[in-house]
PDB file of all heavy atoms in Angstrom:
ATOM      1  N   PHE A   1      86.802 109.066  93.767  1.00  0.00           N
ATOM      2  CA  PHE A   1      87.464 108.951  92.470  1.00  0.00           C
ATOM      3  C   PHE A   1      87.839 107.502  92.172  1.00  0.00           C
ATOM      4  O   PHE A   1      87.654 107.015  91.057  1.00  0.00           O
ATOM      5  CB  PHE A   1      88.705 109.846  92.450  1.00  0.00           C
ATOM      6  CG  PHE A   1      89.395 109.891  91.134  1.00  0.00           C
ATOM      7  CD1 PHE A   1      88.811 110.514  90.052  1.00  0.00           C
ATOM      8  CD2 PHE A   1      90.633 109.312  90.979  1.00  0.00           C
ATOM      9  CE1 PHE A   1      89.446 110.564  88.832  1.00  0.00           C
ATOM     10  CE2 PHE A   1      91.279 109.354  89.768  1.00  0.00           C
ATOM     11  CZ  PHE A   1      90.687 109.975  88.693  1.00  0.00           C
ATOM     12  N   GLY A   2      88.364 106.803  93.182  1.00  0.00           N
ATOM     13  CA  GLY A   2      88.711 105.391  93.006  1.00  0.00           C
ATOM     14  C   GLY A   2      87.500 104.538  92.699  1.00  0.00           C
ATOM     15  O   GLY A   2      87.563 103.623  91.859  1.00  0.00           O
ATOM     16  N   CYS A   3      86.391 104.830  93.355  1.00  0.00           N
ATOM     17  CA  CYS A   3      85.158 104.078  93.081  1.00  0.00           C
ATOM     18  C   CYS A   3      84.660 104.334  91.668  1.00  0.00           C
ATOM     19  O   CYS A   3      84.228 103.403  90.982  1.00  0.00           O
ATOM     20  CB  CYS A   3      84.084 104.443  94.097  1.00  0.00           C
ATOM     21  SG  CYS A   3      84.380 103.765  95.721  1.00  0.00           S
ATOM     22  N   VAL A   4      84.705 105.576  91.230  1.00  0.00           N
ATOM     23  CA  VAL A   4      84.250 105.891  89.871  1.00  0.00           C
ATOM     24  C   VAL A   4      85.122 105.177  88.842  1.00  0.00           C
ATOM     25  O   VAL A   4      84.614 104.606  87.868  1.00  0.00           O
ATOM     26  CB  VAL A   4      84.250 107.421  89.638  1.00  0.00           C
ATOM     27  CG1 VAL A   4      84.088 107.759  88.172  1.00  0.00           C
ATOM     28  CG2 VAL A   4      83.161 108.072  90.463  1.00  0.00           C
ATOM     29  N   LEU A   5      86.442 105.164  89.061  1.00  0.00           N
ATOM     30  CA  LEU A   5      87.325 104.470  88.125  1.00  0.00           C
ATOM     31  C   LEU A   5      87.121 102.960  88.167  1.00  0.00           C
ATOM     32  O   LEU A   5      87.286 102.287  87.155  1.00  0.00           O
ATOM     33  CB  LEU A   5      88.791 104.798  88.427  1.00  0.00           C
ATOM     34  CG  LEU A   5      89.266 106.178  88.021  1.00  0.00           C
ATOM     35  CD1 LEU A   5      90.741 106.341  88.353  1.00  0.00           C
ATOM     36  CD2 LEU A   5      89.037 106.432  86.555  1.00  0.00           C
ATOM     37  N   ALA A   6      86.779 102.423  89.340  1.00  0.00           N
ATOM     38  CA  ALA A   6      86.554 100.982  89.441  1.00  0.00           C
ATOM     39  C   ALA A   6      85.228 100.574  88.804  1.00  0.00           C
ATOM     40  O   ALA A   6      85.125  99.508  88.187  1.00  0.00           O
ATOM     41  CB  ALA A   6      86.585 100.547  90.901  1.00  0.00           C
ATOM     42  N   ILE A   7      84.211 101.410  88.927  1.00  0.00           N
ATOM     43  CA  ILE A   7      82.892 101.071  88.392  1.00  0.00           C
ATOM     44  C   ILE A   7      82.830 101.288  86.884  1.00  0.00           C
ATOM     45  O   ILE A   7      82.213 100.510  86.158  1.00  0.00           O
ATOM     46  CB  ILE A   7      81.798 101.895  89.101  1.00  0.00           C
ATOM     47  CG1 ILE A   7      81.698 101.445  90.555  1.00  0.00           C
ATOM     48  CG2 ILE A   7      80.464 101.736  88.414  1.00  0.00           C
ATOM     49  CD1 ILE A   7      80.807 102.312  91.399  1.00  0.00           C
ATOM     50  N   PHE A   8      83.477 102.342  86.398  1.00  0.00           N
ATOM     51  CA  PHE A   8      83.451 102.668  84.973  1.00  0.00           C
ATOM     52  C   PHE A   8      84.856 102.578  84.389  1.00  0.00           C
ATOM     53  O   PHE A   8      85.469 103.609  84.069  1.00  0.00           O
ATOM     54  CB  PHE A   8      82.888 104.077  84.755  1.00  0.00           C
ATOM     55  CG  PHE A   8      81.519 104.282  85.324  1.00  0.00           C
ATOM     56  CD1 PHE A   8      81.332 105.097  86.426  1.00  0.00           C
ATOM     57  CD2 PHE A   8      80.424 103.647  84.768  1.00  0.00           C
ATOM     58  CE1 PHE A   8      80.068 105.293  86.960  1.00  0.00           C
ATOM     59  CE2 PHE A   8      79.164 103.839  85.293  1.00  0.00           C
ATOM     60  CZ  PHE A   8      78.985 104.651  86.391  1.00  0.00           C
ATOM     61  N   PRO A   9      85.387 101.371  84.203  1.00  0.00           N
ATOM     62  CA  PRO A   9      86.777 101.260  83.704  1.00  0.00           C
ATOM     63  C   PRO A   9      86.937 101.710  82.252  1.00  0.00           C
ATOM     64  O   PRO A   9      88.043 102.041  81.842  1.00  0.00           O
ATOM     65  CB  PRO A   9      87.091  99.775  83.856  1.00  0.00           C
ATOM     66  CG  PRO A   9      85.767  99.097  83.831  1.00  0.00           C
ATOM     67  CD  PRO A   9      84.789 100.068  84.436  1.00  0.00           C
ATOM     68  N   ASP A  10      85.885 101.741  81.470  1.00  0.00           N
ATOM     69  CA  ASP A  10      85.975 102.151  80.074  1.00  0.00           C
ATOM     70  C   ASP A  10      85.707 103.645  79.874  1.00  0.00           C
ATOM     71  O   ASP A  10      85.696 104.120  78.745  1.00  0.00           O
ATOM     72  CB  ASP A  10      84.987 101.346  79.223  1.00  0.00           C
ATOM     73  CG  ASP A  10      85.338  99.868  79.210  1.00  0.00           C
ATOM     74  OD1 ASP A  10      86.533  99.547  79.362  1.00  0.00           O
ATOM     75  OD2 ASP A  10      84.423  99.048  79.058  1.00  0.00           O
ATOM     76  N   PHE A  11      85.504 104.363  80.968  1.00  0.00           N
ATOM     77  CA  PHE A  11      85.256 105.797  80.886  1.00  0.00           C
ATOM     78  C   PHE A  11      86.521 106.493  80.381  1.00  0.00           C
ATOM     79  O   PHE A  11      87.604 106.283  80.921  1.00  0.00           O
ATOM     80  CB  PHE A  11      84.870 106.331  82.273  1.00  0.00           C
ATOM     81  CG  PHE A  11      84.432 107.758  82.277  1.00  0.00           C
ATOM     82  CD1 PHE A  11      83.194 108.117  81.769  1.00  0.00           C
ATOM     83  CD2 PHE A  11      85.253 108.745  82.792  1.00  0.00           C
ATOM     84  CE1 PHE A  11      82.785 109.437  81.776  1.00  0.00           C
ATOM     85  CE2 PHE A  11      84.855 110.067  82.801  1.00  0.00           C
ATOM     86  CZ  PHE A  11      83.616 110.410  82.292  1.00  0.00           C
ATOM     87  N   PRO A  12      86.418 107.304  79.336  1.00  0.00           N
ATOM     88  CA  PRO A  12      87.627 107.948  78.807  1.00  0.00           C
ATOM     89  C   PRO A  12      88.192 108.962  79.804  1.00  0.00           C
ATOM     90  O   PRO A  12      87.498 109.870  80.249  1.00  0.00           O
ATOM     91  CB  PRO A  12      87.144 108.640  77.529  1.00  0.00           C
ATOM     92  CG  PRO A  12      85.677 108.774  77.681  1.00  0.00           C
ATOM     93  CD  PRO A  12      85.221 107.655  78.582  1.00  0.00           C
ATOM     94  N   PHE A  13      89.432 108.741  80.176  1.00  0.00           N
ATOM     95  CA  PHE A  13      90.097 109.603  81.153  1.00  0.00           C
ATOM     96  C   PHE A  13      91.525 109.844  80.666  1.00  0.00           C
ATOM     97  O   PHE A  13      92.476 109.250  81.167  1.00  0.00           O
ATOM     98  CB  PHE A  13      90.067 108.930  82.523  1.00  0.00           C
ATOM     99  CG  PHE A  13      90.406 109.835  83.652  1.00  0.00           C
ATOM    100  CD1 PHE A  13      89.574 110.874  84.010  1.00  0.00           C
ATOM    101  CD2 PHE A  13      91.579 109.648  84.356  1.00  0.00           C
ATOM    102  CE1 PHE A  13      89.894 111.706  85.048  1.00  0.00           C
ATOM    103  CE2 PHE A  13      91.908 110.475  85.399  1.00  0.00           C
ATOM    104  CZ  PHE A  13      91.066 111.511  85.751  1.00  0.00           C
ATOM    105  N   PRO A  14      91.702 110.702  79.646  1.00  0.00           N
ATOM    106  CA  PRO A  14      93.007 110.862  78.996  1.00  0.00           C
ATOM    107  C   PRO A  14      93.965 111.756  79.789  1.00  0.00           C
ATOM    108  O   PRO A  14      94.031 112.962  79.579  1.00  0.00           O
ATOM    109  CB  PRO A  14      92.647 111.497  77.654  1.00  0.00           C
ATOM    110  CG  PRO A  14      91.402 112.269  77.932  1.00  0.00           C
ATOM    111  CD  PRO A  14      90.659 111.499  79.000  1.00  0.00           C
ATOM    112  N   VAL A  15      94.704 111.173  80.714  1.00  0.00           N
ATOM    113  CA  VAL A  15      95.667 111.961  81.491  1.00  0.00           C
ATOM    114  C   VAL A  15      97.095 111.496  81.285  1.00  0.00           C
ATOM    115  O   VAL A  15      98.019 112.182  81.665  1.00  0.00           O
ATOM    116  CB  VAL A  15      95.323 111.937  82.988  1.00  0.00           C
ATOM    117  CG1 VAL A  15      94.061 112.709  83.257  1.00  0.00           C
ATOM    118  CG2 VAL A  15      95.230 110.539  83.502  1.00  0.00           C
ATOM    119  N   GLY A  16      97.303 110.327  80.721  1.00  0.00           N
ATOM    120  CA  GLY A  16      98.652 109.851  80.440  1.00  0.00           C
ATOM    121  C   GLY A  16      99.153 108.862  81.477  1.00  0.00           C
ATOM    122  O   GLY A  16      98.514 108.597  82.496  1.00  0.00           O
ATOM    123  N   ALA A  17     100.327 108.342  81.180  1.00  0.00           N
ATOM    124  CA  ALA A  17     100.917 107.317  82.043  1.00  0.00           C
ATOM    125  C   ALA A  17     101.409 107.897  83.366  1.00  0.00           C
ATOM    126  O   ALA A  17     101.459 107.190  84.367  1.00  0.00           O
ATOM    127  CB  ALA A  17     102.059 106.633  81.322  1.00  0.00           C
ATOM    128  N   TRP A  18     101.762 109.166  83.397  1.00  0.00           N
ATOM    129  CA  TRP A  18     102.250 109.762  84.635  1.00  0.00           C
ATOM    130  C   TRP A  18     101.185 109.700  85.722  1.00  0.00           C
ATOM    131  O   TRP A  18     101.501 109.523  86.898  1.00  0.00           O
ATOM    132  CB  TRP A  18     102.678 111.207  84.408  1.00  0.00           C
ATOM    133  CG  TRP A  18     101.539 112.114  84.030  1.00  0.00           C
ATOM    134  CD1 TRP A  18     101.080 112.381  82.783  1.00  0.00           C
ATOM    135  CD2 TRP A  18     100.687 112.821  84.922  1.00  0.00           C
ATOM    136  NE1 TRP A  18     100.002 113.210  82.831  1.00  0.00           N
ATOM    137  CE2 TRP A  18      99.734 113.513  84.138  1.00  0.00           C
ATOM    138  CE3 TRP A  18     100.628 112.962  86.295  1.00  0.00           C
ATOM    139  CZ2 TRP A  18      98.757 114.307  84.697  1.00  0.00           C
ATOM    140  CZ3 TRP A  18      99.642 113.757  86.850  1.00  0.00           C
ATOM    141  CH2 TRP A  18      98.720 114.428  86.054  1.00  0.00           C
ATOM    142  N   PHE A  19      99.916 109.854  85.328  1.00  0.00           N
ATOM    143  CA  PHE A  19      98.840 109.805  86.318  1.00  0.00           C
ATOM    144  C   PHE A  19      98.719 108.411  86.913  1.00  0.00           C
ATOM    145  O   PHE A  19      98.432 108.273  88.095  1.00  0.00           O
ATOM    146  CB  PHE A  19      97.516 110.232  85.685  1.00  0.00           C
ATOM    147  CG  PHE A  19      96.394 110.271  86.676  1.00  0.00           C
ATOM    148  CD1 PHE A  19      96.275 111.321  87.561  1.00  0.00           C
ATOM    149  CD2 PHE A  19      95.465 109.245  86.739  1.00  0.00           C
ATOM    150  CE1 PHE A  19      95.260 111.356  88.493  1.00  0.00           C
ATOM    151  CE2 PHE A  19      94.447 109.268  87.658  1.00  0.00           C
ATOM    152  CZ  PHE A  19      94.338 110.331  88.543  1.00  0.00           C
ATOM    153  N   LEU A  20      98.940 107.389  86.102  1.00  0.00           N
ATOM    154  CA  LEU A  20      98.894 106.024  86.596  1.00  0.00           C
ATOM    155  C   LEU A  20      99.962 105.798  87.662  1.00  0.00           C
ATOM    156  O   LEU A  20      99.705 105.157  88.685  1.00  0.00           O
ATOM    157  CB  LEU A  20      99.067 105.043  85.437  1.00  0.00           C
ATOM    158  CG  LEU A  20      98.962 103.568  85.770  1.00  0.00           C
ATOM    159  CD1 LEU A  20      97.576 103.242  86.288  1.00  0.00           C
ATOM    160  CD2 LEU A  20      99.286 102.738  84.549  1.00  0.00           C
ATOM    161  N   VAL A  21     101.133 106.358  87.452  1.00  0.00           N
ATOM    162  CA  VAL A  21     102.213 106.230  88.432  1.00  0.00           C
ATOM    163  C   VAL A  21     101.841 106.959  89.725  1.00  0.00           C
ATOM    164  O   VAL A  21     101.985 106.420  90.827  1.00  0.00           O
ATOM    165  CB  VAL A  21     103.530 106.771  87.848  1.00  0.00           C
ATOM    166  CG1 VAL A  21     104.609 106.833  88.907  1.00  0.00           C
ATOM    167  CG2 VAL A  21     103.976 105.919  86.678  1.00  0.00           C
ATOM    168  N   VAL A  22     101.347 108.172  89.620  1.00  0.00           N
ATOM    169  CA  VAL A  22     100.974 108.954  90.801  1.00  0.00           C
ATOM    170  C   VAL A  22      99.821 108.290  91.546  1.00  0.00           C
ATOM    171  O   VAL A  22      99.848 108.173  92.782  1.00  0.00           O
ATOM    172  CB  VAL A  22     100.606 110.402  90.397  1.00  0.00           C
ATOM    173  CG1 VAL A  22     100.017 111.168  91.563  1.00  0.00           C
ATOM    174  CG2 VAL A  22     101.826 111.110  89.859  1.00  0.00           C
ATOM    175  N   TYR A  23      98.818 107.836  90.803  1.00  0.00           N
ATOM    176  CA  TYR A  23      97.664 107.194  91.434  1.00  0.00           C
ATOM    177  C   TYR A  23      98.064 105.884  92.108  1.00  0.00           C
ATOM    178  O   TYR A  23      97.623 105.579  93.210  1.00  0.00           O
ATOM    179  CB  TYR A  23      96.567 106.947  90.395  1.00  0.00           C
ATOM    180  CG  TYR A  23      95.292 106.411  90.981  1.00  0.00           C
ATOM    181  CD1 TYR A  23      94.466 107.227  91.743  1.00  0.00           C
ATOM    182  CD2 TYR A  23      94.908 105.098  90.789  1.00  0.00           C
ATOM    183  CE1 TYR A  23      93.296 106.747  92.295  1.00  0.00           C
ATOM    184  CE2 TYR A  23      93.738 104.604  91.333  1.00  0.00           C
ATOM    185  CZ  TYR A  23      92.932 105.437  92.082  1.00  0.00           C
ATOM    186  OH  TYR A  23      91.781 104.955  92.632  1.00  0.00           O
ATOM    187  N   GLY A  24      98.910 105.100  91.462  1.00  0.00           N
ATOM    188  CA  GLY A  24      99.376 103.853  92.063  1.00  0.00           C
ATOM    189  C   GLY A  24     100.191 104.098  93.311  1.00  0.00           C
ATOM    190  O   GLY A  24     100.042 103.390  94.316  1.00  0.00           O
ATOM    191  N   LEU A  25     101.045 105.098  93.283  1.00  0.00           N
ATOM    192  CA  LEU A  25     101.840 105.435  94.462  1.00  0.00           C
ATOM    193  C   LEU A  25     100.953 105.907  95.607  1.00  0.00           C
ATOM    194  O   LEU A  25     101.113 105.465  96.755  1.00  0.00           O
ATOM    195  CB  LEU A  25     102.867 106.509  94.102  1.00  0.00           C
ATOM    196  CG  LEU A  25     103.798 106.943  95.225  1.00  0.00           C
ATOM    197  CD1 LEU A  25     104.698 105.780  95.630  1.00  0.00           C
ATOM    198  CD2 LEU A  25     104.630 108.133  94.782  1.00  0.00           C
ATOM    199  N   ALA A  26      99.995 106.773  95.300  1.00  0.00           N
ATOM    200  CA  ALA A  26      99.095 107.268  96.340  1.00  0.00           C
ATOM    201  C   ALA A  26      98.238 106.142  96.910  1.00  0.00           C
ATOM    202  O   ALA A  26      98.021 106.075  98.124  1.00  0.00           O
ATOM    203  CB  ALA A  26      98.201 108.377  95.775  1.00  0.00           C
ATOM    204  N   SER A  27      97.772 105.239  96.062  1.00  0.00           N
ATOM    205  CA  SER A  27      96.976 104.108  96.542  1.00  0.00           C
ATOM    206  C   SER A  27      97.808 103.183  97.415  1.00  0.00           C
ATOM    207  O   SER A  27      97.333 102.689  98.441  1.00  0.00           O
ATOM    208  CB  SER A  27      96.412 103.317  95.358  1.00  0.00           C
ATOM    209  OG  SER A  27      95.570 104.127  94.590  1.00  0.00           O
ATOM    210  N   GLY A  28      99.049 102.949  97.022  1.00  0.00           N
ATOM    211  CA  GLY A  28      99.927 102.104  97.828  1.00  0.00           C
ATOM    212  C   GLY A  28     100.248 102.709  99.177  1.00  0.00           C
ATOM    213  O   GLY A  28     100.265 102.017 100.194  1.00  0.00           O
ATOM    214  N   VAL A  29     100.494 104.016  99.201  1.00  0.00           N
ATOM    215  CA  VAL A  29     100.762 104.693 100.469  1.00  0.00           C
ATOM    216  C   VAL A  29      99.536 104.621 101.370  1.00  0.00           C
ATOM    217  O   VAL A  29      99.645 104.337 102.571  1.00  0.00           O
ATOM    218  CB  VAL A  29     101.187 106.160 100.216  1.00  0.00           C
ATOM    219  CG1 VAL A  29     101.170 106.964 101.495  1.00  0.00           C
ATOM    220  CG2 VAL A  29     102.562 106.201  99.586  1.00  0.00           C
ATOM    221  N   PHE A  30      98.359 104.849 100.804  1.00  0.00           N
ATOM    222  CA  PHE A  30      97.138 104.774 101.599  1.00  0.00           C
ATOM    223  C   PHE A  30      96.928 103.377 102.160  1.00  0.00           C
ATOM    224  O   PHE A  30      96.647 103.205 103.345  1.00  0.00           O
ATOM    225  CB  PHE A  30      95.924 105.178 100.759  1.00  0.00           C
ATOM    226  CG  PHE A  30      94.621 104.927 101.459  1.00  0.00           C
ATOM    227  CD1 PHE A  30      94.204 105.765 102.476  1.00  0.00           C
ATOM    228  CD2 PHE A  30      93.827 103.852 101.114  1.00  0.00           C
ATOM    229  CE1 PHE A  30      93.016 105.531 103.144  1.00  0.00           C
ATOM    230  CE2 PHE A  30      92.635 103.614 101.766  1.00  0.00           C
ATOM    231  CZ  PHE A  30      92.232 104.465 102.782  1.00  0.00           C
ATOM    232  N   LEU A  31      97.076 102.366 101.328  1.00  0.00           N
ATOM    233  CA  LEU A  31      96.871 100.992 101.788  1.00  0.00           C
ATOM    234  C   LEU A  31      97.906 100.598 102.833  1.00  0.00           C
ATOM    235  O   LEU A  31      97.582  99.940 103.825  1.00  0.00           O
ATOM    236  CB  LEU A  31      96.920 100.034 100.600  1.00  0.00           C
ATOM    237  CG  LEU A  31      96.523  98.605 100.886  1.00  0.00           C
ATOM    238  CD1 LEU A  31      95.084  98.548 101.359  1.00  0.00           C
ATOM    239  CD2 LEU A  31      96.701  97.761  99.651  1.00  0.00           C
ATOM    240  N   GLY A  32      99.149 101.009 102.636  1.00  0.00           N
ATOM    241  CA  GLY A  32     100.186 100.724 103.625  1.00  0.00           C
ATOM    242  C   GLY A  32      99.906 101.402 104.951  1.00  0.00           C
ATOM    243  O   GLY A  32     100.042 100.789 106.019  1.00  0.00           O
ATOM    244  N   CYS A  33      99.505 102.666 104.909  1.00  0.00           N
ATOM    245  CA  CYS A  33      99.181 103.385 106.147  1.00  0.00           C
ATOM    246  C   CYS A  33      97.980 102.757 106.845  1.00  0.00           C
ATOM    247  O   CYS A  33      97.957 102.639 108.074  1.00  0.00           O
ATOM    248  CB  CYS A  33      98.905 104.853 105.859  1.00  0.00           C
ATOM    249  SG  CYS A  33     100.362 105.768 105.390  1.00  0.00           S
ATOM    250  N   LEU A  34      96.995 102.351 106.069  1.00  0.00           N
ATOM    251  CA  LEU A  34      95.816 101.719 106.660  1.00  0.00           C
ATOM    252  C   LEU A  34      96.177 100.401 107.324  1.00  0.00           C
ATOM    253  O   LEU A  34      95.754 100.125 108.450  1.00  0.00           O
ATOM    254  CB  LEU A  34      94.751 101.496 105.587  1.00  0.00           C
ATOM    255  CG  LEU A  34      93.422 100.909 106.057  1.00  0.00           C
ATOM    256  CD1 LEU A  34      92.734 101.867 107.008  1.00  0.00           C
ATOM    257  CD2 LEU A  34      92.535 100.606 104.872  1.00  0.00           C
ATOM    258  N   SER A  35      96.983  99.577 106.672  1.00  0.00           N
ATOM    259  CA  SER A  35      97.334  98.283 107.263  1.00  0.00           C
ATOM    260  C   SER A  35      98.232  98.448 108.478  1.00  0.00           C
ATOM    261  O   SER A  35      98.071  97.730 109.472  1.00  0.00           O
ATOM    262  CB  SER A  35      97.988  97.376 106.216  1.00  0.00           C
ATOM    263  OG  SER A  35      99.168  97.957 105.745  1.00  0.00           O
ATOM    264  N   VAL A  36      99.170  99.397 108.451  1.00  0.00           N
ATOM    265  CA  VAL A  36     100.022  99.625 109.607  1.00  0.00           C
ATOM    266  C   VAL A  36      99.215 100.207 110.766  1.00  0.00           C
ATOM    267  O   VAL A  36      99.419  99.823 111.923  1.00  0.00           O
ATOM    268  CB  VAL A  36     101.215 100.536 109.235  1.00  0.00           C
ATOM    269  CG1 VAL A  36     101.942 101.030 110.463  1.00  0.00           C
ATOM    270  CG2 VAL A  36     102.164  99.790 108.332  1.00  0.00           C
ATOM    271  N   ALA A  37      98.270 101.110 110.475  1.00  0.00           N
ATOM    272  CA  ALA A  37      97.433 101.659 111.538  1.00  0.00           C
ATOM    273  C   ALA A  37      96.561 100.570 112.163  1.00  0.00           C
ATOM    274  O   ALA A  37      96.399 100.516 113.386  1.00  0.00           O
ATOM    275  CB  ALA A  37      96.557 102.791 110.999  1.00  0.00           C
ATOM    276  N   LEU A  38      96.031  99.686 111.341  1.00  0.00           N
ATOM    277  CA  LEU A  38      95.230  98.580 111.865  1.00  0.00           C
ATOM    278  C   LEU A  38      96.083  97.641 112.698  1.00  0.00           C
ATOM    279  O   LEU A  38      95.673  97.210 113.786  1.00  0.00           O
ATOM    280  CB  LEU A  38      94.565  97.820 110.718  1.00  0.00           C
ATOM    281  CG  LEU A  38      93.627  96.679 111.107  1.00  0.00           C
ATOM    282  CD1 LEU A  38      92.493  97.200 111.978  1.00  0.00           C
ATOM    283  CD2 LEU A  38      93.089  95.999 109.877  1.00  0.00           C
ATOM    284  N   ALA A  39      97.280  97.335 112.230  1.00  0.00           N
ATOM    285  CA  ALA A  39      98.179  96.468 112.997  1.00  0.00           C
ATOM    286  C   ALA A  39      98.597  97.132 114.299  1.00  0.00           C
ATOM    287  O   ALA A  39      98.730  96.467 115.331  1.00  0.00           O
ATOM    288  CB  ALA A  39      99.408  96.129 112.159  1.00  0.00           C
ATOM    289  N   GLU A  40      98.780  98.452 114.274  1.00  0.00           N
ATOM    290  CA  GLU A  40      99.159  99.164 115.485  1.00  0.00           C
ATOM    291  C   GLU A  40      98.030  99.162 116.510  1.00  0.00           C
ATOM    292  O   GLU A  40      98.263  98.976 117.702  1.00  0.00           O
ATOM    293  CB  GLU A  40      99.551 100.601 115.134  1.00  0.00           C
ATOM    294  CG  GLU A  40     100.055 101.398 116.305  1.00  0.00           C
ATOM    295  CD  GLU A  40     100.441 102.799 115.891  1.00  0.00           C
ATOM    296  OE1 GLU A  40     100.892 102.991 114.754  1.00  0.00           O
ATOM    297  OE2 GLU A  40     100.281 103.713 116.723  1.00  0.00           O
ATOM    298  N   VAL A  41      96.815  99.365 116.037  1.00  0.00           N
ATOM    299  CA  VAL A  41      95.678  99.357 116.951  1.00  0.00           C
ATOM    300  C   VAL A  41      95.501  97.974 117.573  1.00  0.00           C
ATOM    301  O   VAL A  41      95.179  97.841 118.754  1.00  0.00           O
ATOM    302  CB  VAL A  41      94.394  99.805 116.219  1.00  0.00           C
ATOM    303  CG1 VAL A  41      93.156  99.497 117.026  1.00  0.00           C
ATOM    304  CG2 VAL A  41      94.469 101.275 115.920  1.00  0.00           C
ATOM    305  N   LEU A  42      95.718  96.943 116.796  1.00  0.00           N
ATOM    306  CA  LEU A  42      95.571  95.582 117.301  1.00  0.00           C
ATOM    307  C   LEU A  42      96.806  95.093 118.055  1.00  0.00           C
ATOM    308  O   LEU A  42      96.836  93.947 118.499  1.00  0.00           O
ATOM    309  CB  LEU A  42      95.269  94.629 116.147  1.00  0.00           C
ATOM    310  CG  LEU A  42      93.958  94.886 115.419  1.00  0.00           C
ATOM    311  CD1 LEU A  42      93.831  93.945 114.230  1.00  0.00           C
ATOM    312  CD2 LEU A  42      92.791  94.734 116.353  1.00  0.00           C
TER     313      LEU A  42
END
């Protein structure tokens, strides 16, 4: 889903501002978990 949104930014996706908040929060949690897991492994 993230790749599709990144490749087609002009694709109409009418879900509202609430989705932007949820998607941003989920992306931030994923990126934070990934960086902490990488730091933990190293």
